[in-house]
Amino acid sequence: MMYEKFMDMEETSRFYFYGWRCISCGTIVDSTILANKVYKDRQKENKRRRLKKAC
């Protein structure tokens, strides 16, 4: 993994962020991506719990 600065796709914008890019596959990971993954994982776990209680 390499730590990189990523720029917005629009040339008029000055938005940028820092994240990690995998040298082998090109996957990008930053704090927002990780937060969304954790949130989705929690939603899935809560859904499993509700289904388990209903049965």
PDB file of N, CA and C in Angstrom:
ATOM      1  N   MET A   1       0.844  -1.174   0.000  1.00  0.00           N
ATOM      2  CA  MET A   1       0.000   0.000   0.000  1.00  0.00           C
ATOM      3  C   MET A   1       0.896   1.246   0.000  1.00  0.00           C
ATOM      4  N   MET A   2       0.438   2.234  -0.759  1.00  0.00           N
ATOM      5  CA  MET A   2       1.146   3.517  -0.819  1.00  0.00           C
ATOM      6  C   MET A   2       0.197   4.624  -0.381  1.00  0.00           C
ATOM      7  N   TYR A   3       0.685   5.552   0.405  1.00  0.00           N
ATOM      8  CA  TYR A   3      -0.098   6.696   0.833  1.00  0.00           C
ATOM      9  C   TYR A   3      -0.010   7.751  -0.263  1.00  0.00           C
ATOM     10  N   GLU A   4      -1.171   8.229  -0.762  1.00  0.00           N
ATOM     11  CA  GLU A   4      -1.187   9.167  -1.882  1.00  0.00           C
ATOM     12  C   GLU A   4      -2.155  10.311  -1.647  1.00  0.00           C
ATOM     13  N   LYS A   5      -1.966  11.374  -2.408  1.00  0.00           N
ATOM     14  CA  LYS A   5      -2.892  12.497  -2.440  1.00  0.00           C
ATOM     15  C   LYS A   5      -3.740  12.329  -3.707  1.00  0.00           C
ATOM     16  N   PHE A   6      -5.051  12.327  -3.544  1.00  0.00           N
ATOM     17  CA  PHE A   6      -5.962  12.163  -4.665  1.00  0.00           C
ATOM     18  C   PHE A   6      -6.667  13.487  -4.946  1.00  0.00           C
ATOM     19  N   MET A   7      -6.798  13.826  -6.221  1.00  0.00           N
ATOM     20  CA  MET A   7      -7.437  15.070  -6.634  1.00  0.00           C
ATOM     21  C   MET A   7      -8.836  14.786  -7.163  1.00  0.00           C
ATOM     22  N   ASP A   8      -9.711  15.801  -7.057  1.00  0.00           N
ATOM     23  CA  ASP A   8     -11.053  15.708  -7.610  1.00  0.00           C
ATOM     24  C   ASP A   8     -10.960  15.591  -9.134  1.00  0.00           C
ATOM     25  N   MET A   9     -11.919  14.926  -9.741  1.00  0.00           N
ATOM     26  CA  MET A   9     -11.899  14.715 -11.189  1.00  0.00           C
ATOM     27  C   MET A   9     -12.139  16.012 -11.964  1.00  0.00           C
ATOM     28  N   GLU A  10     -12.837  16.978 -11.378  1.00  0.00           N
ATOM     29  CA  GLU A  10     -13.087  18.244 -12.049  1.00  0.00           C
ATOM     30  C   GLU A  10     -11.875  19.149 -11.884  1.00  0.00           C
ATOM     31  N   GLU A  11     -11.409  19.691 -12.982  1.00  0.00           N
ATOM     32  CA  GLU A  11     -10.215  20.529 -12.918  1.00  0.00           C
ATOM     33  C   GLU A  11     -10.474  21.853 -12.215  1.00  0.00           C
ATOM     34  N   THR A  12     -11.745  22.304 -12.178  1.00  0.00           N
ATOM     35  CA  THR A  12     -12.060  23.588 -11.558  1.00  0.00           C
ATOM     36  C   THR A  12     -12.066  23.487 -10.037  1.00  0.00           C
ATOM     37  N   SER A  13     -12.214  22.300  -9.516  1.00  0.00           N
ATOM     38  CA  SER A  13     -12.291  22.103  -8.072  1.00  0.00           C
ATOM     39  C   SER A  13     -10.896  21.926  -7.481  1.00  0.00           C
ATOM     40  N   ARG A  14     -10.739  22.401  -6.266  1.00  0.00           N
ATOM     41  CA  ARG A  14      -9.462  22.241  -5.562  1.00  0.00           C
ATOM     42  C   ARG A  14      -9.578  21.182  -4.480  1.00  0.00           C
ATOM     43  N   PHE A  15     -10.575  20.312  -4.592  1.00  0.00           N
ATOM     44  CA  PHE A  15     -10.802  19.282  -3.586  1.00  0.00           C
ATOM     45  C   PHE A  15      -9.784  18.164  -3.734  1.00  0.00           C
ATOM     46  N   TYR A  16      -9.224  17.747  -2.617  1.00  0.00           N
ATOM     47  CA  TYR A  16      -8.316  16.605  -2.633  1.00  0.00           C
ATOM     48  C   TYR A  16      -8.427  15.885  -1.295  1.00  0.00           C
ATOM     49  N   PHE A  17      -7.972  14.637  -1.275  1.00  0.00           N
ATOM     50  CA  PHE A  17      -7.959  13.864  -0.037  1.00  0.00           C
ATOM     51  C   PHE A  17      -6.772  12.923  -0.068  1.00  0.00           C
ATOM     52  N   TYR A  18      -6.422  12.430   1.091  1.00  0.00           N
ATOM     53  CA  TYR A  18      -5.325  11.474   1.198  1.00  0.00           C
ATOM     54  C   TYR A  18      -5.879  10.098   1.495  1.00  0.00           C
ATOM     55  N   GLY A  19      -5.268   9.094   0.930  1.00  0.00           N
ATOM     56  CA  GLY A  19      -5.703   7.731   1.166  1.00  0.00           C
ATOM     57  C   GLY A  19      -4.605   6.758   0.777  1.00  0.00           C
ATOM     58  N   TRP A  20      -4.947   5.493   0.874  1.00  0.00           N
ATOM     59  CA  TRP A  20      -4.007   4.419   0.557  1.00  0.00           C
ATOM     60  C   TRP A  20      -4.427   3.754  -0.739  1.00  0.00           C
ATOM     61  N   ARG A  21      -3.465   3.467  -1.616  1.00  0.00           N
ATOM     62  CA  ARG A  21      -3.724   2.753  -2.863  1.00  0.00           C
ATOM     63  C   ARG A  21      -2.877   1.487  -2.870  1.00  0.00           C
ATOM     64  N   CYS A  22      -3.535   0.353  -3.172  1.00  0.00           N
ATOM     65  CA  CYS A  22      -2.820  -0.911  -3.275  1.00  0.00           C
ATOM     66  C   CYS A  22      -2.001  -0.922  -4.559  1.00  0.00           C
ATOM     67  N   ILE A  23      -0.749  -1.243  -4.440  1.00  0.00           N
ATOM     68  CA  ILE A  23       0.141  -1.273  -5.599  1.00  0.00           C
ATOM     69  C   ILE A  23      -0.234  -2.415  -6.548  1.00  0.00           C
ATOM     70  N   SER A  24      -0.734  -3.506  -6.013  1.00  0.00           N
ATOM     71  CA  SER A  24      -1.059  -4.677  -6.840  1.00  0.00           C
ATOM     72  C   SER A  24      -2.370  -4.533  -7.594  1.00  0.00           C
ATOM     73  N   CYS A  25      -3.444  -4.146  -6.873  1.00  0.00           N
ATOM     74  CA  CYS A  25      -4.771  -4.156  -7.514  1.00  0.00           C
ATOM     75  C   CYS A  25      -5.359  -2.772  -7.739  1.00  0.00           C
ATOM     76  N   GLY A  26      -4.808  -1.722  -7.118  1.00  0.00           N
ATOM     77  CA  GLY A  26      -5.299  -0.371  -7.326  1.00  0.00           C
ATOM     78  C   GLY A  26      -6.442   0.049  -6.412  1.00  0.00           C
ATOM     79  N   THR A  27      -6.818  -0.798  -5.466  1.00  0.00           N
ATOM     80  CA  THR A  27      -7.882  -0.457  -4.534  1.00  0.00           C
ATOM     81  C   THR A  27      -7.493   0.776  -3.720  1.00  0.00           C
ATOM     82  N   ILE A  28      -8.453   1.706  -3.570  1.00  0.00           N
ATOM     83  CA  ILE A  28      -8.217   2.921  -2.800  1.00  0.00           C
ATOM     84  C   ILE A  28      -8.988   2.834  -1.494  1.00  0.00           C
ATOM     85  N   VAL A  29      -8.330   3.168  -0.388  1.00  0.00           N
ATOM     86  CA  VAL A  29      -8.958   3.156   0.930  1.00  0.00           C
ATOM     87  C   VAL A  29      -8.629   4.475   1.623  1.00  0.00           C
ATOM     88  N   ASP A  30      -9.666   5.122   2.151  1.00  0.00           N
ATOM     89  CA  ASP A  30      -9.468   6.320   2.964  1.00  0.00           C
ATOM     90  C   ASP A  30     -10.425   6.263   4.144  1.00  0.00           C
ATOM     91  N   SER A  31     -10.444   7.293   4.962  1.00  0.00           N
ATOM     92  CA  SER A  31     -11.268   7.275   6.179  1.00  0.00           C
ATOM     93  C   SER A  31     -12.763   7.200   5.866  1.00  0.00           C
ATOM     94  N   THR A  32     -13.217   7.845   4.804  1.00  0.00           N
ATOM     95  CA  THR A  32     -14.639   7.797   4.439  1.00  0.00           C
ATOM     96  C   THR A  32     -15.032   6.406   3.970  1.00  0.00           C
ATOM     97  N   ILE A  33     -14.213   5.777   3.183  1.00  0.00           N
ATOM     98  CA  ILE A  33     -14.494   4.422   2.696  1.00  0.00           C
ATOM     99  C   ILE A  33     -14.562   3.461   3.876  1.00  0.00           C
ATOM    100  N   LEU A  34     -13.619   3.571   4.801  1.00  0.00           N
ATOM    101  CA  LEU A  34     -13.622   2.689   5.970  1.00  0.00           C
ATOM    102  C   LEU A  34     -14.857   2.918   6.841  1.00  0.00           C
ATOM    103  N   ALA A  35     -15.238   4.175   7.047  1.00  0.00           N
ATOM    104  CA  ALA A  35     -16.424   4.479   7.862  1.00  0.00           C
ATOM    105  C   ALA A  35     -17.686   3.899   7.227  1.00  0.00           C
ATOM    106  N   ASN A  36     -17.814   4.017   5.916  1.00  0.00           N
ATOM    107  CA  ASN A  36     -18.982   3.458   5.228  1.00  0.00           C
ATOM    108  C   ASN A  36     -19.005   1.939   5.318  1.00  0.00           C
ATOM    109  N   LYS A  37     -17.854   1.304   5.229  1.00  0.00           N
ATOM    110  CA  LYS A  37     -17.792  -0.156   5.335  1.00  0.00           C
ATOM    111  C   LYS A  37     -18.233  -0.605   6.726  1.00  0.00           C
ATOM    112  N   VAL A  38     -17.756   0.073   7.755  1.00  0.00           N
ATOM    113  CA  VAL A  38     -18.143  -0.271   9.130  1.00  0.00           C
ATOM    114  C   VAL A  38     -19.649  -0.085   9.300  1.00  0.00           C
ATOM    115  N   TYR A  39     -20.195   1.004   8.791  1.00  0.00           N
ATOM    116  CA  TYR A  39     -21.625   1.286   8.896  1.00  0.00           C
ATOM    117  C   TYR A  39     -22.443   0.189   8.219  1.00  0.00           C
ATOM    118  N   LYS A  40     -22.052  -0.208   7.010  1.00  0.00           N
ATOM    119  CA  LYS A  40     -22.772  -1.260   6.282  1.00  0.00           C
ATOM    120  C   LYS A  40     -22.674  -2.596   7.004  1.00  0.00           C
ATOM    121  N   ASP A  41     -21.501  -2.902   7.552  1.00  0.00           N
ATOM    122  CA  ASP A  41     -21.331  -4.149   8.295  1.00  0.00           C
ATOM    123  C   ASP A  41     -22.238  -4.183   9.522  1.00  0.00           C
ATOM    124  N   ARG A  42     -22.376  -3.043  10.200  1.00  0.00           N
ATOM    125  CA  ARG A  42     -23.261  -2.965  11.368  1.00  0.00           C
ATOM    126  C   ARG A  42     -24.714  -3.156  10.968  1.00  0.00           C
ATOM    127  N   GLN A  43     -25.106  -2.577   9.839  1.00  0.00           N
ATOM    128  CA  GLN A  43     -26.478  -2.743   9.360  1.00  0.00           C
ATOM    129  C   GLN A  43     -26.776  -4.206   9.071  1.00  0.00           C
ATOM    130  N   LYS A  44     -25.836  -4.892   8.433  1.00  0.00           N
ATOM    131  CA  LYS A  44     -26.021  -6.309   8.125  1.00  0.00           C
ATOM    132  C   LYS A  44     -26.152  -7.129   9.404  1.00  0.00           C
ATOM    133  N   GLU A  45     -25.312  -6.822  10.397  1.00  0.00           N
ATOM    134  CA  GLU A  45     -25.351  -7.548  11.667  1.00  0.00           C
ATOM    135  C   GLU A  45     -26.683  -7.312  12.383  1.00  0.00           C
ATOM    136  N   ASN A  46     -27.164  -6.074  12.397  1.00  0.00           N
ATOM    137  CA  ASN A  46     -28.457  -5.783  13.021  1.00  0.00           C
ATOM    138  C   ASN A  46     -29.594  -6.509  12.315  1.00  0.00           C
ATOM    139  N   LYS A  47     -29.525  -6.595  11.006  1.00  0.00           N
ATOM    140  CA  LYS A  47     -30.560  -7.303  10.235  1.00  0.00           C
ATOM    141  C   LYS A  47     -30.544  -8.791  10.587  1.00  0.00           C
ATOM    142  N   ARG A  48     -29.369  -9.367  10.710  1.00  0.00           N
ATOM    143  CA  ARG A  48     -29.253 -10.784  11.087  1.00  0.00           C
ATOM    144  C   ARG A  48     -29.859 -11.026  12.469  1.00  0.00           C
ATOM    145  N   ARG A  49     -29.582 -10.113  13.401  1.00  0.00           N
ATOM    146  CA  ARG A  49     -30.115 -10.247  14.758  1.00  0.00           C
ATOM    147  C   ARG A  49     -31.645 -10.191  14.750  1.00  0.00           C
ATOM    148  N   ARG A  50     -32.210  -9.272  13.982  1.00  0.00           N
ATOM    149  CA  ARG A  50     -33.664  -9.152  13.916  1.00  0.00           C
ATOM    150  C   ARG A  50     -34.280 -10.408  13.317  1.00  0.00           C
ATOM    151  N   LEU A  51     -33.672 -10.949  12.284  1.00  0.00           N
ATOM    152  CA  LEU A  51     -34.194 -12.146  11.648  1.00  0.00           C
ATOM    153  C   LEU A  51     -34.092 -13.343  12.599  1.00  0.00           C
ATOM    154  N   LYS A  52     -32.999 -13.408  13.343  1.00  0.00           N
ATOM    155  CA  LYS A  52     -32.797 -14.496  14.285  1.00  0.00           C
ATOM    156  C   LYS A  52     -33.850 -14.445  15.403  1.00  0.00           C
ATOM    157  N   LYS A  53     -34.168 -13.255  15.907  1.00  0.00           N
ATOM    158  CA  LYS A  53     -35.180 -13.095  16.952  1.00  0.00           C
ATOM    159  C   LYS A  53     -36.569 -13.419  16.430  1.00  0.00           C
ATOM    160  N   ALA A  54     -36.828 -13.162  15.167  1.00  0.00           N
ATOM    161  CA  ALA A  54     -38.160 -13.401  14.600  1.00  0.00           C
ATOM    162  C   ALA A  54     -38.443 -14.889  14.412  1.00  0.00           C
ATOM    163  N   CYS A  55     -37.411 -15.669  14.272  1.00  0.00           N
ATOM    164  CA  CYS A  55     -37.605 -17.109  13.997  1.00  0.00           C
ATOM    165  C   CYS A  55     -37.840 -17.917  15.236  1.00  0.00           C
TER     166      CYS A  55
END
